[in-house]
């Protein structure tokens, strides 16, 4: 009986620390957390509300077994981490800032919809640029 321990009990007793498969990183006005099978972003919007977004992680282990070979596995994990960090920064940049342009009244519904689409596209491009700056700054400061 002493040789067989449950996973939960072993997690608390090995090396005196809790073993977990969850990690994360700080974002612009928020945080990204990554687990084994999914990841989520929480960002504080200018209004004070918290925007959350969750995504599943795709595993291609059965399809691409060679991606899990020792050296290749590390390179794949590095690239996956960079891509995921970039996506999370882009989500945070989109929701953490508000454009300071005042809204103008639209003449009709079609014009209002068009203006809304243009504003969303402008904010997406702006968030994309902010995320690029943060990723570039991180890569320069960490000597990559």
C-alpha atoms as a PDB file:
ATOM      1  CA  UNK A   1       0.000   0.000   0.000  1.00  0.00           C
ATOM      2  CA  UNK A   2       2.884   2.366   0.746  1.00  0.00           C
ATOM      3  CA  UNK A   3       4.230   1.915  -2.818  1.00  0.00           C
ATOM      4  CA  UNK A   4       0.952   2.913  -4.460  1.00  0.00           C
ATOM      5  CA  UNK A   5      -0.044   6.553  -4.067  1.00  0.00           C
ATOM      6  CA  UNK A   6      -2.739   8.464  -5.818  1.00  0.00           C
ATOM      7  CA  UNK A   7      -1.734  11.121  -8.367  1.00  0.00           C
ATOM      8  CA  UNK A   8      -3.063  13.878  -6.113  1.00  0.00           C
ATOM      9  CA  UNK A   9      -1.177  12.694  -3.029  1.00  0.00           C
ATOM     10  CA  UNK A  10       2.034  12.244  -5.044  1.00  0.00           C
ATOM     11  CA  UNK A  11       1.661  15.770  -6.444  1.00  0.00           C
ATOM     12  CA  UNK A  12       1.765  17.210  -2.928  1.00  0.00           C
ATOM     13  CA  UNK A  13       4.561  15.023  -1.566  1.00  0.00           C
ATOM     14  CA  UNK A  14       7.241  14.946  -4.301  1.00  0.00           C
ATOM     15  CA  UNK A  15       9.999  17.453  -3.565  1.00  0.00           C
ATOM     16  CA  UNK A  16       7.675  19.237  -1.144  1.00  0.00           C
ATOM     17  CA  UNK A  17       6.056  21.201  -3.989  1.00  0.00           C
ATOM     18  CA  UNK A  18       2.823  20.963  -5.918  1.00  0.00           C
ATOM     19  CA  UNK A  19       3.398  19.726  -9.450  1.00  0.00           C
ATOM     20  CA  UNK A  20       1.210  21.427 -12.027  1.00  0.00           C
ATOM     21  CA  UNK A  21       0.944  21.846 -15.791  1.00  0.00           C
ATOM     22  CA  UNK A  22      -0.241  25.456 -15.715  1.00  0.00           C
ATOM     23  CA  UNK A  23       1.821  28.488 -16.628  1.00  0.00           C
ATOM     24  CA  UNK A  24       1.227  32.004 -17.764  1.00  0.00           C
ATOM     25  CA  UNK A  25       2.528  35.430 -18.577  1.00  0.00           C
ATOM     26  CA  UNK A  26       1.673  39.038 -17.953  1.00  0.00           C
ATOM     27  CA  UNK A  27      -0.041  40.973 -20.720  1.00  0.00           C
ATOM     28  CA  UNK A  28      -1.033  44.567 -21.300  1.00  0.00           C
ATOM     29  CA  UNK A  29      -3.591  45.131 -18.504  1.00  0.00           C
ATOM     30  CA  UNK A  30      -4.102  41.389 -18.095  1.00  0.00           C
ATOM     31  CA  UNK A  31      -2.773  37.863 -17.870  1.00  0.00           C
ATOM     32  CA  UNK A  32      -2.585  34.766 -20.071  1.00  0.00           C
ATOM     33  CA  UNK A  33      -2.717  31.304 -18.505  1.00  0.00           C
ATOM     34  CA  UNK A  34      -1.844  28.113 -20.380  1.00  0.00           C
ATOM     35  CA  UNK A  35      -2.698  24.595 -19.343  1.00  0.00           C
ATOM     36  CA  UNK A  36      -2.074  21.267 -21.008  1.00  0.00           C
ATOM     37  CA  UNK A  37      -5.147  21.346 -23.219  1.00  0.00           C
ATOM     38  CA  UNK A  38      -6.259  25.002 -23.387  1.00  0.00           C
ATOM     39  CA  UNK A  39      -5.283  28.614 -22.766  1.00  0.00           C
ATOM     40  CA  UNK A  40      -7.146  31.706 -21.632  1.00  0.00           C
ATOM     41  CA  UNK A  41      -6.665  35.470 -21.578  1.00  0.00           C
ATOM     42  CA  UNK A  42      -8.104  37.938 -19.065  1.00  0.00           C
ATOM     43  CA  UNK A  43      -7.791  41.659 -19.835  1.00  0.00           C
ATOM     44  CA  UNK A  44      -9.103  44.674 -17.941  1.00  0.00           C
ATOM     45  CA  UNK A  45     -10.942  46.955 -20.346  1.00  0.00           C
ATOM     46  CA  UNK A  46     -10.909  50.761 -19.941  1.00  0.00           C
ATOM     47  CA  UNK A  47     -14.477  50.581 -18.607  1.00  0.00           C
ATOM     48  CA  UNK A  48     -13.222  48.434 -15.702  1.00  0.00           C
ATOM     49  CA  UNK A  49     -14.841  45.200 -16.901  1.00  0.00           C
ATOM     50  CA  UNK A  50     -12.708  42.093 -17.381  1.00  0.00           C
ATOM     51  CA  UNK A  51     -12.743  40.565 -20.862  1.00  0.00           C
ATOM     52  CA  UNK A  52     -11.966  36.818 -20.951  1.00  0.00           C
ATOM     53  CA  UNK A  53     -11.306  34.582 -23.914  1.00  0.00           C
ATOM     54  CA  UNK A  54     -10.608  30.829 -23.893  1.00  0.00           C
ATOM     55  CA  UNK A  55      -9.121  28.592 -26.592  1.00  0.00           C
ATOM     56  CA  UNK A  56      -8.279  24.908 -26.922  1.00  0.00           C
ATOM     57  CA  UNK A  57      -4.768  23.757 -27.820  1.00  0.00           C
ATOM     58  CA  UNK A  58      -4.548  21.340 -30.727  1.00  0.00           C
ATOM     59  CA  UNK A  59      -2.383  18.280 -30.273  1.00  0.00           C
ATOM     60  CA  UNK A  60      -0.960  16.620 -33.360  1.00  0.00           C
ATOM     61  CA  UNK A  61       0.771  13.767 -31.566  1.00  0.00           C
ATOM     62  CA  UNK A  62      -1.012  10.999 -33.449  1.00  0.00           C
ATOM     63  CA  UNK A  63      -0.634  12.766 -36.778  1.00  0.00           C
ATOM     64  CA  UNK A  64       2.958  14.043 -36.503  1.00  0.00           C
ATOM     65  CA  UNK A  65       4.903  11.762 -34.194  1.00  0.00           C
ATOM     66  CA  UNK A  66       8.226  13.154 -35.444  1.00  0.00           C
ATOM     67  CA  UNK A  67       7.371  16.519 -33.839  1.00  0.00           C
ATOM     68  CA  UNK A  68       7.792  14.835 -30.451  1.00  0.00           C
ATOM     69  CA  UNK A  69      11.356  13.594 -30.989  1.00  0.00           C
ATOM     70  CA  UNK A  70      13.739  15.029 -28.345  1.00  0.00           C
ATOM     71  CA  UNK A  71      15.487  17.930 -30.157  1.00  0.00           C
ATOM     72  CA  UNK A  72      12.543  18.729 -32.412  1.00  0.00           C
ATOM     73  CA  UNK A  73      10.163  18.698 -29.445  1.00  0.00           C
ATOM     74  CA  UNK A  74      12.077  21.572 -27.816  1.00  0.00           C
ATOM     75  CA  UNK A  75      12.129  23.656 -30.996  1.00  0.00           C
ATOM     76  CA  UNK A  76       8.406  23.008 -31.531  1.00  0.00           C
ATOM     77  CA  UNK A  77       7.619  23.995 -27.940  1.00  0.00           C
ATOM     78  CA  UNK A  78       9.653  27.217 -28.320  1.00  0.00           C
ATOM     79  CA  UNK A  79       7.862  28.219 -31.528  1.00  0.00           C
ATOM     80  CA  UNK A  80       4.449  27.298 -30.061  1.00  0.00           C
ATOM     81  CA  UNK A  81       5.185  29.456 -27.010  1.00  0.00           C
ATOM     82  CA  UNK A  82       6.143  32.440 -29.141  1.00  0.00           C
ATOM     83  CA  UNK A  83       3.054  32.114 -31.341  1.00  0.00           C
ATOM     84  CA  UNK A  84       0.765  31.736 -28.333  1.00  0.00           C
ATOM     85  CA  UNK A  85       2.353  34.723 -26.583  1.00  0.00           C
ATOM     86  CA  UNK A  86       1.916  36.833 -29.700  1.00  0.00           C
ATOM     87  CA  UNK A  87      -1.767  35.845 -30.001  1.00  0.00           C
ATOM     88  CA  UNK A  88      -2.370  36.626 -26.325  1.00  0.00           C
ATOM     89  CA  UNK A  89      -0.655  40.018 -26.632  1.00  0.00           C
ATOM     90  CA  UNK A  90      -2.786  40.824 -29.662  1.00  0.00           C
ATOM     91  CA  UNK A  91      -5.994  39.997 -27.762  1.00  0.00           C
ATOM     92  CA  UNK A  92      -4.832  42.128 -24.836  1.00  0.00           C
ATOM     93  CA  UNK A  93      -3.897  45.049 -27.069  1.00  0.00           C
ATOM     94  CA  UNK A  94      -7.310  44.953 -28.746  1.00  0.00           C
ATOM     95  CA  UNK A  95      -9.221  45.153 -25.467  1.00  0.00           C
ATOM     96  CA  UNK A  96      -6.966  47.205 -23.191  1.00  0.00           C
ATOM     97  CA  UNK A  97      -7.153  50.460 -25.137  1.00  0.00           C
ATOM     98  CA  UNK A  98      -9.933  52.684 -26.421  1.00  0.00           C
ATOM     99  CA  UNK A  99      -9.575  55.030 -29.353  1.00  0.00           C
ATOM    100  CA  UNK A 100      -9.903  58.645 -28.250  1.00  0.00           C
ATOM    101  CA  UNK A 101     -11.831  59.643 -31.379  1.00  0.00           C
ATOM    102  CA  UNK A 102     -15.343  60.870 -30.527  1.00  0.00           C
ATOM    103  CA  UNK A 103     -18.218  59.021 -32.144  1.00  0.00           C
ATOM    104  CA  UNK A 104     -20.141  60.886 -34.816  1.00  0.00           C
ATOM    105  CA  UNK A 105     -23.838  60.287 -35.463  1.00  0.00           C
ATOM    106  CA  UNK A 106     -24.473  58.192 -38.568  1.00  0.00           C
ATOM    107  CA  UNK A 107     -27.011  59.192 -41.233  1.00  0.00           C
ATOM    108  CA  UNK A 108     -28.406  55.690 -41.682  1.00  0.00           C
ATOM    109  CA  UNK A 109     -27.940  52.101 -40.513  1.00  0.00           C
ATOM    110  CA  UNK A 110     -25.647  51.087 -43.401  1.00  0.00           C
ATOM    111  CA  UNK A 111     -23.303  53.984 -42.729  1.00  0.00           C
ATOM    112  CA  UNK A 112     -23.292  53.174 -39.004  1.00  0.00           C
ATOM    113  CA  UNK A 113     -22.409  49.549 -39.740  1.00  0.00           C
ATOM    114  CA  UNK A 114     -19.656  50.625 -42.155  1.00  0.00           C
ATOM    115  CA  UNK A 115     -18.244  53.059 -39.578  1.00  0.00           C
ATOM    116  CA  UNK A 116     -18.311  50.341 -36.933  1.00  0.00           C
ATOM    117  CA  UNK A 117     -16.409  47.948 -39.215  1.00  0.00           C
ATOM    118  CA  UNK A 118     -13.812  50.625 -40.030  1.00  0.00           C
ATOM    119  CA  UNK A 119     -13.351  51.424 -36.340  1.00  0.00           C
ATOM    120  CA  UNK A 120     -12.929  47.738 -35.495  1.00  0.00           C
ATOM    121  CA  UNK A 121     -10.383  47.288 -38.310  1.00  0.00           C
ATOM    122  CA  UNK A 122      -8.483  50.378 -37.138  1.00  0.00           C
ATOM    123  CA  UNK A 123      -8.419  49.072 -33.555  1.00  0.00           C
ATOM    124  CA  UNK A 124      -7.298  45.609 -34.747  1.00  0.00           C
ATOM    125  CA  UNK A 125      -4.414  47.117 -36.736  1.00  0.00           C
ATOM    126  CA  UNK A 126      -3.473  49.333 -33.788  1.00  0.00           C
ATOM    127  CA  UNK A 127      -3.522  46.382 -31.384  1.00  0.00           C
ATOM    128  CA  UNK A 128      -1.491  44.327 -33.845  1.00  0.00           C
ATOM    129  CA  UNK A 129       1.186  47.044 -33.954  1.00  0.00           C
ATOM    130  CA  UNK A 130       1.258  47.360 -30.157  1.00  0.00           C
ATOM    131  CA  UNK A 131       1.664  43.587 -29.819  1.00  0.00           C
ATOM    132  CA  UNK A 132       4.510  43.632 -32.346  1.00  0.00           C
ATOM    133  CA  UNK A 133       6.296  46.328 -30.343  1.00  0.00           C
ATOM    134  CA  UNK A 134       5.975  44.329 -27.118  1.00  0.00           C
ATOM    135  CA  UNK A 135       7.195  41.110 -28.739  1.00  0.00           C
ATOM    136  CA  UNK A 136      10.123  42.952 -30.333  1.00  0.00           C
ATOM    137  CA  UNK A 137      10.982  44.622 -27.011  1.00  0.00           C
ATOM    138  CA  UNK A 138      10.858  41.253 -25.213  1.00  0.00           C
ATOM    139  CA  UNK A 139      13.066  39.576 -27.834  1.00  0.00           C
ATOM    140  CA  UNK A 140      15.639  42.395 -27.667  1.00  0.00           C
ATOM    141  CA  UNK A 141      15.758  42.548 -23.878  1.00  0.00           C
ATOM    142  CA  UNK A 142      16.032  38.792 -23.477  1.00  0.00           C
ATOM    143  CA  UNK A 143      18.899  38.547 -26.006  1.00  0.00           C
ATOM    144  CA  UNK A 144      17.115  36.221 -28.426  1.00  0.00           C
END
